[in-house]
Structure formats: C-alpha cells, structure tokens
C-alpha cells in the first residue's frame, strides 16, 4: 500500500467515507473532518508511518504540517518519512 493509499484510508475512516469518496483536492472540511477527528487522524498517521507529526492542535494554522488538502497531507507525510528515515 502506498503512502497515498494509507493516508486516504485513514482520512476516509475518520470521515466515515469510502476511500473512493476521498479526492486529493478535498479539504478536511469537504470530508467533514472536525478538529477532534483531525487529532485522531494525526495520531493514526503517526502510528501507521512511525513518524512524529509537528502539529499544534490548539493552533493548526501554526503547524509545519500542511493540512489544507488531502494531497498536502500526503506530501507532508512523505516529507516526514524521508526526514525521519
């Protein structure tokens, strides 16, 4: 399973959607992922990829982890995987 597939699966699970309903240009709002689901998604991503996500739940806009779209989350995970490898 690719990084993209895994991230989409995690986000789909949090949003209670099918993976086929998750598009790369979707925002978390588009998927119906609220702040609590976002935190759970971050934990799931950290666990799945054995990485530490630099994410401030109190101020998501102040994070180095770009959560603007599904594609940006995938890119950020790939970057963290490369840095922490």
Protein backbone atom coordinates (compact mmCIF):
# COMPACT_ATOMS: atom_id res chain seq x y z
CA UNK A 1 0.00 0.00 0.00
CA UNK A 2 1.38 3.40 -0.96
CA UNK A 3 1.64 6.38 1.37
CA UNK A 4 -1.19 7.99 -0.59
CA UNK A 5 -3.43 4.93 -0.18
CA UNK A 6 -2.71 4.70 3.55
CA UNK A 7 -3.36 8.40 4.21
CA UNK A 8 -6.59 8.29 2.20
CA UNK A 9 -7.68 5.16 4.11
CA UNK A 10 -7.02 6.87 7.46
CA UNK A 11 -8.89 10.04 6.46
CA UNK A 12 -11.77 8.06 4.96
CA UNK A 13 -12.09 6.05 8.17
CA UNK A 14 -12.18 9.22 10.28
CA UNK A 15 -14.75 10.80 7.95
CA UNK A 16 -16.77 7.56 7.78
CA UNK A 17 -16.50 7.59 3.98
CA UNK A 18 -15.42 5.10 1.36
CA UNK A 19 -11.84 5.63 0.16
CA UNK A 20 -13.27 6.24 -3.32
CA UNK A 21 -15.10 9.29 -1.91
CA UNK A 22 -11.82 10.96 -0.91
CA UNK A 23 -10.21 13.13 -3.61
CA UNK A 24 -6.71 14.61 -3.49
CA UNK A 25 -8.06 18.15 -3.72
CA UNK A 26 -10.56 17.68 -0.87
CA UNK A 27 -10.07 19.81 2.21
CA UNK A 28 -10.73 18.29 5.61
CA UNK A 29 -13.90 20.40 5.74
CA UNK A 30 -15.02 18.82 2.45
CA UNK A 31 -14.66 15.42 4.12
CA UNK A 32 -16.47 16.51 7.26
CA UNK A 33 -13.41 16.04 9.47
CA UNK A 34 -13.69 18.26 12.55
CA UNK A 35 -10.91 19.20 14.96
CA UNK A 36 -11.38 16.07 17.10
CA UNK A 37 -11.30 13.79 14.06
CA UNK A 38 -8.25 15.68 12.82
CA UNK A 39 -6.37 14.95 16.04
CA UNK A 40 -7.36 11.27 15.77
CA UNK A 41 -6.21 11.28 12.13
CA UNK A 42 -2.84 12.75 13.11
CA UNK A 43 -2.37 10.03 15.77
CA UNK A 44 -3.33 7.35 13.24
CA UNK A 45 -0.88 8.76 10.67
CA UNK A 46 1.92 8.87 13.27
CA UNK A 47 1.22 5.26 14.21
CA UNK A 48 0.88 3.98 10.64
CA UNK A 49 4.11 5.57 9.42
CA UNK A 50 6.12 5.61 12.67
CA UNK A 51 6.69 9.36 12.39
CA UNK A 52 6.19 12.37 14.64
CA UNK A 53 3.90 14.99 13.12
CA UNK A 54 4.72 18.59 14.10
CA UNK A 55 1.12 19.58 14.72
CA UNK A 56 -0.29 22.06 17.21
CA UNK A 57 -3.90 21.03 17.89
CA UNK A 58 -4.53 24.31 19.68
CA UNK A 59 -3.47 26.31 16.64
CA UNK A 60 -3.49 24.15 13.47
CA UNK A 61 -2.57 27.14 11.29
CA UNK A 62 0.68 27.45 13.27
CA UNK A 63 1.83 23.96 12.31
CA UNK A 64 4.60 22.99 9.94
CA UNK A 65 2.29 20.18 8.82
CA UNK A 66 0.13 21.35 5.90
CA UNK A 67 -3.44 20.11 6.34
CA UNK A 68 -5.07 22.25 3.65
CA UNK A 69 -5.89 19.34 1.31
CA UNK A 70 -5.60 15.56 1.18
CA UNK A 71 -2.72 15.95 -1.31
CA UNK A 72 -0.85 18.35 1.01
CA UNK A 73 -1.22 15.91 3.92
CA UNK A 74 0.19 13.09 1.76
CA UNK A 75 3.12 15.31 0.69
CA UNK A 76 3.80 16.29 4.31
CA UNK A 77 3.76 12.63 5.42
CA UNK A 78 6.16 11.68 2.62
CA UNK A 79 8.48 14.53 3.61
CA UNK A 80 8.43 13.47 7.28
CA UNK A 81 9.07 9.83 6.33
CA UNK A 82 12.11 10.90 4.31
CA UNK A 83 13.43 13.17 7.09
CA UNK A 84 12.96 10.57 9.82
CA UNK A 85 14.28 7.63 7.81
